């Protein structure tokens, strides 16, 4: 899926998605995560069910 298609499917604005993809955004709000999951036609649980989201892999302040 292209970034453009994900933006269209999720309803996230292009500037916001660019900030996420380029790591300019240091944090993402839960509603944005929910919108991204919806863009992939996934539930939030399905989206977050990946080892990359374990506590050891996250930079939590």
N, C-alpha and C. Protein backbone atom coordinates (compact mmCIF):
# COMPACT_ATOMS: atom_id res chain seq x y z
N UNK A 1 0.84 -1.17 0.00
CA UNK A 1 0.00 0.00 0.00
C UNK A 1 0.89 1.24 0.00
N UNK A 2 0.52 2.20 -0.78
CA UNK A 2 1.29 3.45 -0.81
C UNK A 2 0.90 4.33 0.37
N UNK A 3 1.76 5.27 0.66
CA UNK A 3 1.46 6.23 1.72
C UNK A 3 0.20 7.02 1.36
N UNK A 4 0.08 7.40 0.11
CA UNK A 4 -1.11 8.14 -0.34
C UNK A 4 -2.38 7.33 -0.09
N UNK A 5 -2.38 6.04 -0.44
CA UNK A 5 -3.56 5.20 -0.24
C UNK A 5 -3.88 5.07 1.24
N UNK A 6 -2.85 4.93 2.09
CA UNK A 6 -3.08 4.84 3.53
C UNK A 6 -3.69 6.14 4.04
N UNK A 7 -3.20 7.27 3.56
CA UNK A 7 -3.78 8.56 3.95
C UNK A 7 -5.26 8.61 3.56
N UNK A 8 -5.57 8.17 2.37
CA UNK A 8 -6.95 8.19 1.90
C UNK A 8 -7.83 7.23 2.72
N UNK A 9 -7.33 6.03 2.98
CA UNK A 9 -8.11 5.02 3.71
C UNK A 9 -8.30 5.39 5.18
N UNK A 10 -7.32 6.07 5.75
CA UNK A 10 -7.38 6.36 7.18
C UNK A 10 -7.95 7.73 7.50
N UNK A 11 -7.88 8.65 6.54
CA UNK A 11 -8.35 10.01 6.79
C UNK A 11 -7.30 10.89 7.46
N UNK A 12 -6.07 10.44 7.48
CA UNK A 12 -4.98 11.22 8.07
C UNK A 12 -4.45 12.20 7.02
N UNK A 13 -4.23 13.43 7.44
CA UNK A 13 -3.74 14.45 6.52
C UNK A 13 -2.30 14.15 6.10
N UNK A 14 -1.97 14.58 4.89
CA UNK A 14 -0.66 14.31 4.30
C UNK A 14 0.48 14.80 5.19
N UNK A 15 0.37 16.01 5.72
CA UNK A 15 1.43 16.56 6.57
C UNK A 15 1.65 15.74 7.83
N UNK A 16 0.57 15.27 8.42
CA UNK A 16 0.66 14.43 9.61
C UNK A 16 1.35 13.12 9.28
N UNK A 17 0.94 12.50 8.18
CA UNK A 17 1.55 11.22 7.79
C UNK A 17 3.02 11.40 7.46
N UNK A 18 3.37 12.49 6.78
CA UNK A 18 4.79 12.76 6.49
C UNK A 18 5.59 12.89 7.77
N UNK A 19 5.03 13.56 8.77
CA UNK A 19 5.71 13.71 10.05
C UNK A 19 5.94 12.37 10.74
N UNK A 20 4.97 11.49 10.64
CA UNK A 20 5.11 10.15 11.22
C UNK A 20 6.16 9.35 10.47
N UNK A 21 6.08 9.36 9.15
CA UNK A 21 6.98 8.55 8.32
C UNK A 21 8.43 9.03 8.38
N UNK A 22 8.63 10.32 8.58
CA UNK A 22 9.99 10.85 8.64
C UNK A 22 10.52 10.94 10.07
N UNK A 23 9.73 10.44 11.02
CA UNK A 23 10.10 10.42 12.44
C UNK A 23 10.26 11.83 13.02
N UNK A 24 9.63 12.83 12.40
CA UNK A 24 9.62 14.17 12.99
C UNK A 24 8.69 14.21 14.19
N UNK A 25 7.62 13.42 14.14
CA UNK A 25 6.69 13.34 15.27
C UNK A 25 7.30 12.40 16.31
N UNK A 26 7.54 12.90 17.49
CA UNK A 26 8.14 12.09 18.55
C UNK A 26 7.11 11.23 19.25
N UNK A 27 5.86 11.56 19.13
CA UNK A 27 4.79 10.78 19.74
C UNK A 27 3.56 10.85 18.85
N UNK A 28 2.74 9.83 18.96
CA UNK A 28 1.52 9.76 18.17
C UNK A 28 0.36 9.51 19.13
N UNK A 29 -0.71 10.26 18.96
CA UNK A 29 -1.87 10.10 19.82
C UNK A 29 -2.62 8.82 19.48
N UNK A 30 -3.34 8.30 20.45
CA UNK A 30 -4.08 7.06 20.28
C UNK A 30 -5.07 7.13 19.12
N UNK A 31 -5.74 8.27 18.97
CA UNK A 31 -6.71 8.37 17.87
C UNK A 31 -6.02 8.26 16.51
N UNK A 32 -4.77 8.72 16.41
CA UNK A 32 -4.02 8.59 15.16
C UNK A 32 -3.67 7.12 14.90
N UNK A 33 -3.27 6.41 15.94
CA UNK A 33 -2.99 4.97 15.81
C UNK A 33 -4.25 4.25 15.36
N UNK A 34 -5.38 4.62 15.93
CA UNK A 34 -6.65 3.99 15.55
C UNK A 34 -6.98 4.27 14.09
N UNK A 35 -6.71 5.48 13.63
CA UNK A 35 -6.98 5.84 12.24
C UNK A 35 -6.06 5.06 11.29
N UNK A 36 -4.79 4.90 11.67
CA UNK A 36 -3.86 4.13 10.84
C UNK A 36 -4.31 2.67 10.76
N UNK A 37 -4.69 2.10 11.89
CA UNK A 37 -5.19 0.72 11.89
C UNK A 37 -6.40 0.60 10.96
N UNK A 38 -7.31 1.54 11.05
CA UNK A 38 -8.48 1.53 10.18
C UNK A 38 -8.07 1.62 8.72
N UNK A 39 -7.05 2.42 8.42
CA UNK A 39 -6.55 2.55 7.06
C UNK A 39 -6.03 1.24 6.49
N UNK A 40 -5.52 0.39 7.36
CA UNK A 40 -5.05 -0.94 6.95
C UNK A 40 -6.15 -1.99 7.06
N UNK A 41 -7.36 -1.57 7.39
CA UNK A 41 -8.50 -2.49 7.60
C UNK A 41 -8.20 -3.49 8.71
N UNK A 42 -7.61 -2.98 9.79
CA UNK A 42 -7.26 -3.82 10.93
C UNK A 42 -7.86 -3.22 12.19
N UNK A 43 -8.02 -4.06 13.21
CA UNK A 43 -8.37 -3.53 14.52
C UNK A 43 -7.08 -3.01 15.16
N UNK A 44 -7.22 -2.19 16.19
CA UNK A 44 -6.05 -1.69 16.90
C UNK A 44 -5.28 -2.85 17.51
N UNK A 45 -6.00 -3.84 18.02
CA UNK A 45 -5.35 -5.01 18.61
C UNK A 45 -4.52 -5.75 17.57
N UNK A 46 -5.07 -5.94 16.38
CA UNK A 46 -4.31 -6.60 15.31
C UNK A 46 -3.09 -5.77 14.93
N UNK A 47 -3.27 -4.47 14.83
CA UNK A 47 -2.19 -3.57 14.42
C UNK A 47 -1.04 -3.60 15.43
N UNK A 48 -1.36 -3.62 16.71
CA UNK A 48 -0.33 -3.56 17.75
C UNK A 48 0.21 -4.93 18.14
N UNK A 49 -0.31 -6.00 17.56
CA UNK A 49 0.13 -7.35 17.88
C UNK A 49 1.39 -7.70 17.10
N UNK A 50 2.49 -7.06 17.48
CA UNK A 50 3.77 -7.26 16.81
C UNK A 50 4.88 -7.04 17.84
N UNK A 51 5.93 -7.83 17.77
CA UNK A 51 7.02 -7.68 18.74
C UNK A 51 7.63 -6.27 18.80
N UNK A 52 7.51 -5.51 17.73
CA UNK A 52 8.09 -4.16 17.75
C UNK A 52 7.42 -3.27 18.80
N UNK A 53 6.22 -3.64 19.22
CA UNK A 53 5.49 -2.84 20.21
C UNK A 53 5.63 -3.36 21.64
N UNK A 54 6.57 -4.28 21.88
CA UNK A 54 6.81 -4.73 23.26
C UNK A 54 7.56 -3.64 24.00
N UNK A 55 7.44 -3.64 25.31
CA UNK A 55 8.04 -2.60 26.14
C UNK A 55 9.53 -2.44 25.90
N UNK A 56 10.23 -3.55 25.64
CA UNK A 56 11.69 -3.48 25.44
C UNK A 56 12.05 -2.70 24.17
N UNK A 57 11.14 -2.67 23.20
CA UNK A 57 11.41 -2.02 21.93
C UNK A 57 10.90 -0.59 21.84
N UNK A 58 10.22 -0.12 22.86
CA UNK A 58 9.64 1.22 22.85
C UNK A 58 10.49 2.18 23.66
N UNK A 59 10.57 3.41 23.20
CA UNK A 59 11.24 4.46 23.95
C UNK A 59 10.17 5.20 24.73
N UNK A 60 9.99 4.79 25.97
CA UNK A 60 8.95 5.38 26.82
C UNK A 60 9.60 6.35 27.79
N UNK A 61 9.09 7.57 27.79
CA UNK A 61 9.65 8.60 28.67
C UNK A 61 8.87 8.71 29.94
